[in-house]
C-alpha cells in the first residue's frame, strides 16, 4: 500500500510553494511539458518544489553601508576603550585635573578611587567584548548591526558616569564646592 495522500478522516495540510505537487504539476506550473523529476522520485526527496525558498534565496543580502558604518564605529570604540583603560588606571589623576580646571580645590584620592578605577576597567572590557560578539553575530545573520556598538558605548558611558558621580558625591571638597554654588 502506498502513502499517496491522507487517509479517511485526516486533513492534509495546505500545500505551500507546491510542496505536494507531482513532477507533472510542477512542469505545468513552470510552463514546460517535461516533468522536472524522474517518475520514480517523490517530491519530498528533492527539497523545495517550484517557487519555494532555497538556501540561496533565503540568505539575507549584505548591506555594505551597514558593514562600513559598523566597522568605523567599532574602530572608534576600540580606540576609546584602549584609551579609557589607561586613563581609569589613574582615575585620581583625571579627577585631580577636573578639580583644577574647574577651580574646585584639591582632590584627595581614597581607596574607593582605585577600586572603582579597576572595576570600571573590567566593566568596560566586558561591555566591549559583549558588544563585539553581538555585532558580529548580527552581521553574520545579515541584519543591520551599526546600532549595537552605539548602544554598547552609551551603556559604557553611563556606567563610567555613575562611577564618577559616586566618587564626586563622596568627596567633601566637591560637596562643599557645590553647596557654595547653591548658597
C-alpha atoms as a PDB file:
ATOM      1  CA  UNK A   1       0.000   0.000   0.000  1.00  0.00           C
ATOM      2  CA  UNK A   2       1.433   3.351  -0.963  1.00  0.00           C
ATOM      3  CA  UNK A   3       1.150   6.516   1.050  1.00  0.00           C
ATOM      4  CA  UNK A   4      -0.390   8.660  -1.694  1.00  0.00           C
ATOM      5  CA  UNK A   5      -2.397  11.028   0.450  1.00  0.00           C
ATOM      6  CA  UNK A   6      -4.374  11.482   3.604  1.00  0.00           C
ATOM      7  CA  UNK A   7      -6.389   8.605   4.938  1.00  0.00           C
ATOM      8  CA  UNK A   8     -10.090   8.864   5.551  1.00  0.00           C
ATOM      9  CA  UNK A   9     -10.786  11.481   8.236  1.00  0.00           C
ATOM     10  CA  UNK A  10      -7.301  13.025   8.108  1.00  0.00           C
ATOM     11  CA  UNK A  11      -6.798  16.554   6.932  1.00  0.00           C
ATOM     12  CA  UNK A  12      -3.876  17.195   4.651  1.00  0.00           C
ATOM     13  CA  UNK A  13      -2.103  20.486   5.419  1.00  0.00           C
ATOM     14  CA  UNK A  14      -2.488  23.196   2.844  1.00  0.00           C
ATOM     15  CA  UNK A  15       0.460  22.977   0.449  1.00  0.00           C
ATOM     16  CA  UNK A  16       2.845  25.910   0.298  1.00  0.00           C
ATOM     17  CA  UNK A  17       5.112  26.605  -2.637  1.00  0.00           C
ATOM     18  CA  UNK A  18       3.885  23.470  -4.428  1.00  0.00           C
ATOM     19  CA  UNK A  19       5.500  21.105  -1.956  1.00  0.00           C
ATOM     20  CA  UNK A  20       2.915  18.372  -2.610  1.00  0.00           C
ATOM     21  CA  UNK A  21       2.861  18.892  -6.365  1.00  0.00           C
ATOM     22  CA  UNK A  22       3.695  15.979  -8.641  1.00  0.00           C
ATOM     23  CA  UNK A  23       6.516  16.395 -11.142  1.00  0.00           C
ATOM     24  CA  UNK A  24       3.927  16.856 -13.851  1.00  0.00           C
ATOM     25  CA  UNK A  25       2.156  19.601 -11.857  1.00  0.00           C
ATOM     26  CA  UNK A  26       5.490  21.314 -11.325  1.00  0.00           C
ATOM     27  CA  UNK A  27       6.348  21.173 -15.007  1.00  0.00           C
ATOM     28  CA  UNK A  28       2.919  22.505 -15.930  1.00  0.00           C
ATOM     29  CA  UNK A  29       3.231  25.396 -13.458  1.00  0.00           C
ATOM     30  CA  UNK A  30       6.602  26.288 -14.956  1.00  0.00           C
ATOM     31  CA  UNK A  31       5.195  26.166 -18.483  1.00  0.00           C
ATOM     32  CA  UNK A  32       7.175  23.119 -19.505  1.00  0.00           C
ATOM     33  CA  UNK A  33       5.884  19.855 -20.928  1.00  0.00           C
ATOM     34  CA  UNK A  34       8.642  17.674 -19.500  1.00  0.00           C
ATOM     35  CA  UNK A  35       8.470  16.631 -15.861  1.00  0.00           C
ATOM     36  CA  UNK A  36      11.206  18.045 -13.629  1.00  0.00           C
ATOM     37  CA  UNK A  37      11.732  14.835 -11.683  1.00  0.00           C
ATOM     38  CA  UNK A  38      12.165  11.209 -12.687  1.00  0.00           C
ATOM     39  CA  UNK A  39       8.847   9.432 -12.411  1.00  0.00           C
ATOM     40  CA  UNK A  40      10.082   7.232  -9.564  1.00  0.00           C
ATOM     41  CA  UNK A  41      11.205  10.122  -7.323  1.00  0.00           C
ATOM     42  CA  UNK A  42       8.823  11.639  -4.809  1.00  0.00           C
ATOM     43  CA  UNK A  43       8.702  15.419  -4.496  1.00  0.00           C
ATOM     44  CA  UNK A  44       9.732  15.235  -0.822  1.00  0.00           C
ATOM     45  CA  UNK A  45      13.075  13.687  -1.825  1.00  0.00           C
ATOM     46  CA  UNK A  46      14.117  16.709  -3.829  1.00  0.00           C
ATOM     47  CA  UNK A  47      13.561  19.564  -1.413  1.00  0.00           C
ATOM     48  CA  UNK A  48      11.516  22.662  -2.034  1.00  0.00           C
ATOM     49  CA  UNK A  49       9.359  22.349  -5.107  1.00  0.00           C
ATOM     50  CA  UNK A  50       8.720  25.043  -7.626  1.00  0.00           C
ATOM     51  CA  UNK A  51       8.630  28.540  -6.323  1.00  0.00           C
ATOM     52  CA  UNK A  52       9.789  27.583  -2.829  1.00  0.00           C
ATOM     53  CA  UNK A  53      12.595  29.275  -0.952  1.00  0.00           C
ATOM     54  CA  UNK A  54      16.053  27.825  -1.411  1.00  0.00           C
ATOM     55  CA  UNK A  55      19.155  28.304   0.699  1.00  0.00           C
ATOM     56  CA  UNK A  56      20.431  30.920  -1.733  1.00  0.00           C
ATOM     57  CA  UNK A  57      17.183  32.858  -1.898  1.00  0.00           C
ATOM     58  CA  UNK A  58      16.606  32.925   1.879  1.00  0.00           C
ATOM     59  CA  UNK A  59      20.113  34.128   2.650  1.00  0.00           C
ATOM     60  CA  UNK A  60      19.914  37.826   3.507  1.00  0.00           C
ATOM     61  CA  UNK A  61      21.759  40.216   1.278  1.00  0.00           C
ATOM     62  CA  UNK A  62      24.605  42.060   2.947  1.00  0.00           C
ATOM     63  CA  UNK A  63      24.249  45.778   3.403  1.00  0.00           C
ATOM     64  CA  UNK A  64      27.577  47.343   2.542  1.00  0.00           C
ATOM     65  CA  UNK A  65      26.727  50.659   4.193  1.00  0.00           C
ATOM     66  CA  UNK A  66      25.939  48.872   7.470  1.00  0.00           C
ATOM     67  CA  UNK A  67      29.153  46.879   7.350  1.00  0.00           C
ATOM     68  CA  UNK A  68      31.263  50.002   6.747  1.00  0.00           C
ATOM     69  CA  UNK A  69      29.432  52.067   9.374  1.00  0.00           C
ATOM     70  CA  UNK A  70      29.653  49.261  11.926  1.00  0.00           C
ATOM     71  CA  UNK A  71      33.387  48.803  11.271  1.00  0.00           C
ATOM     72  CA  UNK A  72      34.014  52.527  11.719  1.00  0.00           C
ATOM     73  CA  UNK A  73      32.029  52.637  14.970  1.00  0.00           C
ATOM     74  CA  UNK A  74      33.814  49.534  16.305  1.00  0.00           C
ATOM     75  CA  UNK A  75      37.216  51.007  15.371  1.00  0.00           C
ATOM     76  CA  UNK A  76      36.335  54.181  17.253  1.00  0.00           C
ATOM     77  CA  UNK A  77      35.112  52.071  20.201  1.00  0.00           C
ATOM     78  CA  UNK A  78      38.376  50.137  20.215  1.00  0.00           C
ATOM     79  CA  UNK A  79      40.425  53.328  20.416  1.00  0.00           C
ATOM     80  CA  UNK A  80      38.115  54.706  23.089  1.00  0.00           C
ATOM     81  CA  UNK A  81      38.252  51.544  25.218  1.00  0.00           C
ATOM     82  CA  UNK A  82      42.051  51.273  24.996  1.00  0.00           C
ATOM     83  CA  UNK A  83      42.487  54.927  25.975  1.00  0.00           C
ATOM     84  CA  UNK A  84      39.982  54.556  28.819  1.00  0.00           C
ATOM     85  CA  UNK A  85      41.812  51.519  30.159  1.00  0.00           C
ATOM     86  CA  UNK A  86      44.909  53.673  30.542  1.00  0.00           C
ATOM     87  CA  UNK A  87      43.038  56.681  31.948  1.00  0.00           C
ATOM     88  CA  UNK A  88      40.973  54.881  34.569  1.00  0.00           C
ATOM     89  CA  UNK A  89      44.057  53.182  35.940  1.00  0.00           C
ATOM     90  CA  UNK A  90      44.882  56.686  37.150  1.00  0.00           C
ATOM     91  CA  UNK A  91      41.327  57.800  37.882  1.00  0.00           C
ATOM     92  CA  UNK A  92      42.580  60.009  40.689  1.00  0.00           C
ATOM     93  CA  UNK A  93      44.742  61.942  38.189  1.00  0.00           C
ATOM     94  CA  UNK A  94      41.724  62.518  35.943  1.00  0.00           C
ATOM     95  CA  UNK A  95      39.631  63.802  38.870  1.00  0.00           C
ATOM     96  CA  UNK A  96      42.506  65.988  40.115  1.00  0.00           C
ATOM     97  CA  UNK A  97      42.765  67.562  36.653  1.00  0.00           C
ATOM     98  CA  UNK A  98      38.992  68.093  36.602  1.00  0.00           C
ATOM     99  CA  UNK A  99      39.107  69.800  40.001  1.00  0.00           C
ATOM    100  CA  UNK A 100      41.997  72.020  38.905  1.00  0.00           C
ATOM    101  CA  UNK A 101      40.307  73.042  35.642  1.00  0.00           C
ATOM    102  CA  UNK A 102      37.004  73.832  37.371  1.00  0.00           C
ATOM    103  CA  UNK A 103      38.623  75.609  40.343  1.00  0.00           C
ATOM    104  CA  UNK A 104      37.011  73.242  42.823  1.00  0.00           C
ATOM    105  CA  UNK A 105      40.033  72.698  45.050  1.00  0.00           C
ATOM    106  CA  UNK A 106      42.259  69.737  45.814  1.00  0.00           C
ATOM    107  CA  UNK A 107      41.045  66.173  45.357  1.00  0.00           C
ATOM    108  CA  UNK A 108      42.237  63.657  47.900  1.00  0.00           C
ATOM    109  CA  UNK A 109      42.177  60.117  46.466  1.00  0.00           C
ATOM    110  CA  UNK A 110      40.595  57.413  48.572  1.00  0.00           C
ATOM    111  CA  UNK A 111      40.855  53.624  48.351  1.00  0.00           C
ATOM    112  CA  UNK A 112      37.468  53.742  46.618  1.00  0.00           C
ATOM    113  CA  UNK A 113      39.065  55.715  43.768  1.00  0.00           C
ATOM    114  CA  UNK A 114      41.480  52.890  42.980  1.00  0.00           C
ATOM    115  CA  UNK A 115      38.796  50.215  43.388  1.00  0.00           C
ATOM    116  CA  UNK A 116      36.316  51.989  41.122  1.00  0.00           C
ATOM    117  CA  UNK A 117      39.062  52.556  38.546  1.00  0.00           C
ATOM    118  CA  UNK A 118      39.792  48.827  38.397  1.00  0.00           C
ATOM    119  CA  UNK A 119      36.100  47.861  38.371  1.00  0.00           C
ATOM    120  CA  UNK A 120      35.450  50.392  35.615  1.00  0.00           C
ATOM    121  CA  UNK A 121      38.245  48.836  33.536  1.00  0.00           C
ATOM    122  CA  UNK A 122      36.748  45.365  33.936  1.00  0.00           C
ATOM    123  CA  UNK A 123      33.191  46.505  33.199  1.00  0.00           C
ATOM    124  CA  UNK A 124      34.341  48.440  30.134  1.00  0.00           C
ATOM    125  CA  UNK A 125      36.292  45.453  28.789  1.00  0.00           C
ATOM    126  CA  UNK A 126      33.349  43.076  29.341  1.00  0.00           C
ATOM    127  CA  UNK A 127      30.906  45.502  27.678  1.00  0.00           C
ATOM    128  CA  UNK A 128      33.274  45.929  24.739  1.00  0.00           C
ATOM    129  CA  UNK A 129      33.674  42.170  24.204  1.00  0.00           C
ATOM    130  CA  UNK A 130      29.911  41.620  24.521  1.00  0.00           C
ATOM    131  CA  UNK A 131      29.289  44.434  22.030  1.00  0.00           C
ATOM    132  CA  UNK A 132      31.730  42.987  19.501  1.00  0.00           C
ATOM    133  CA  UNK A 133      30.281  39.479  19.838  1.00  0.00           C
ATOM    134  CA  UNK A 134      26.687  40.670  19.443  1.00  0.00           C
ATOM    135  CA  UNK A 135      27.667  42.856  16.487  1.00  0.00           C
ATOM    136  CA  UNK A 136      29.457  40.020  14.688  1.00  0.00           C
ATOM    137  CA  UNK A 137      26.521  37.666  15.260  1.00  0.00           C
ATOM    138  CA  UNK A 138      24.131  40.255  13.870  1.00  0.00           C
ATOM    139  CA  UNK A 139      26.347  40.846  10.822  1.00  0.00           C
ATOM    140  CA  UNK A 140      26.626  37.108  10.154  1.00  0.00           C
ATOM    141  CA  UNK A 141      22.855  36.872  10.143  1.00  0.00           C
ATOM    142  CA  UNK A 142      22.788  39.602   7.514  1.00  0.00           C
ATOM    143  CA  UNK A 143      20.956  42.020   9.775  1.00  0.00           C
ATOM    144  CA  UNK A 144      21.624  45.693  10.402  1.00  0.00           C
ATOM    145  CA  UNK A 145      24.157  45.947  13.227  1.00  0.00           C
ATOM    146  CA  UNK A 146      25.507  49.502  13.460  1.00  0.00           C
ATOM    147  CA  UNK A 147      23.264  50.351  16.396  1.00  0.00           C
ATOM    148  CA  UNK A 148      24.742  47.646  18.653  1.00  0.00           C
ATOM    149  CA  UNK A 149      28.134  49.361  19.184  1.00  0.00           C
ATOM    150  CA  UNK A 150      26.301  52.649  19.737  1.00  0.00           C
ATOM    151  CA  UNK A 151      24.154  51.075  22.459  1.00  0.00           C
ATOM    152  CA  UNK A 152      27.245  49.431  23.987  1.00  0.00           C
ATOM    153  CA  UNK A 153      29.022  52.799  24.026  1.00  0.00           C
ATOM    154  CA  UNK A 154      26.077  54.536  25.676  1.00  0.00           C
ATOM    155  CA  UNK A 155      25.891  51.842  28.358  1.00  0.00           C
ATOM    156  CA  UNK A 156      29.644  52.088  28.996  1.00  0.00           C
ATOM    157  CA  UNK A 157      29.402  55.879  29.222  1.00  0.00           C
ATOM    158  CA  UNK A 158      26.520  55.681  31.707  1.00  0.00           C
ATOM    159  CA  UNK A 159      28.433  53.209  33.877  1.00  0.00           C
ATOM    160  CA  UNK A 160      31.536  55.433  33.845  1.00  0.00           C
ATOM    161  CA  UNK A 161      29.401  58.480  34.675  1.00  0.00           C
ATOM    162  CA  UNK A 162      27.797  56.639  37.589  1.00  0.00           C
ATOM    163  CA  UNK A 163      31.232  55.708  38.968  1.00  0.00           C
ATOM    164  CA  UNK A 164      32.477  59.296  38.715  1.00  0.00           C
ATOM    165  CA  UNK A 165      29.299  60.610  40.368  1.00  0.00           C
ATOM    166  CA  UNK A 166      29.832  58.162  43.246  1.00  0.00           C
ATOM    167  CA  UNK A 167      33.398  59.431  43.679  1.00  0.00           C
ATOM    168  CA  UNK A 168      32.463  63.099  43.437  1.00  0.00           C
ATOM    169  CA  UNK A 169      29.466  62.955  45.776  1.00  0.00           C
ATOM    170  CA  UNK A 170      31.554  61.149  48.367  1.00  0.00           C
ATOM    171  CA  UNK A 171      34.284  63.818  48.300  1.00  0.00           C
ATOM    172  CA  UNK A 172      33.926  66.560  50.940  1.00  0.00           C
ATOM    173  CA  UNK A 173      35.738  69.132  48.765  1.00  0.00           C
ATOM    174  CA  UNK A 174      33.294  68.642  45.886  1.00  0.00           C
ATOM    175  CA  UNK A 175      30.295  68.656  48.245  1.00  0.00           C
ATOM    176  CA  UNK A 176      31.364  71.940  49.853  1.00  0.00           C
ATOM    177  CA  UNK A 177      32.038  73.424  46.407  1.00  0.00           C
ATOM    178  CA  UNK A 178      28.524  72.502  45.241  1.00  0.00           C
ATOM    179  CA  UNK A 179      26.989  73.816  48.474  1.00  0.00           C
ATOM    180  CA  UNK A 180      28.875  77.092  47.938  1.00  0.00           C
ATOM    181  CA  UNK A 181      27.334  77.413  44.474  1.00  0.00           C
ATOM    182  CA  UNK A 182      23.854  76.907  45.844  1.00  0.00           C
ATOM    183  CA  UNK A 183      24.189  79.203  48.826  1.00  0.00           C
END
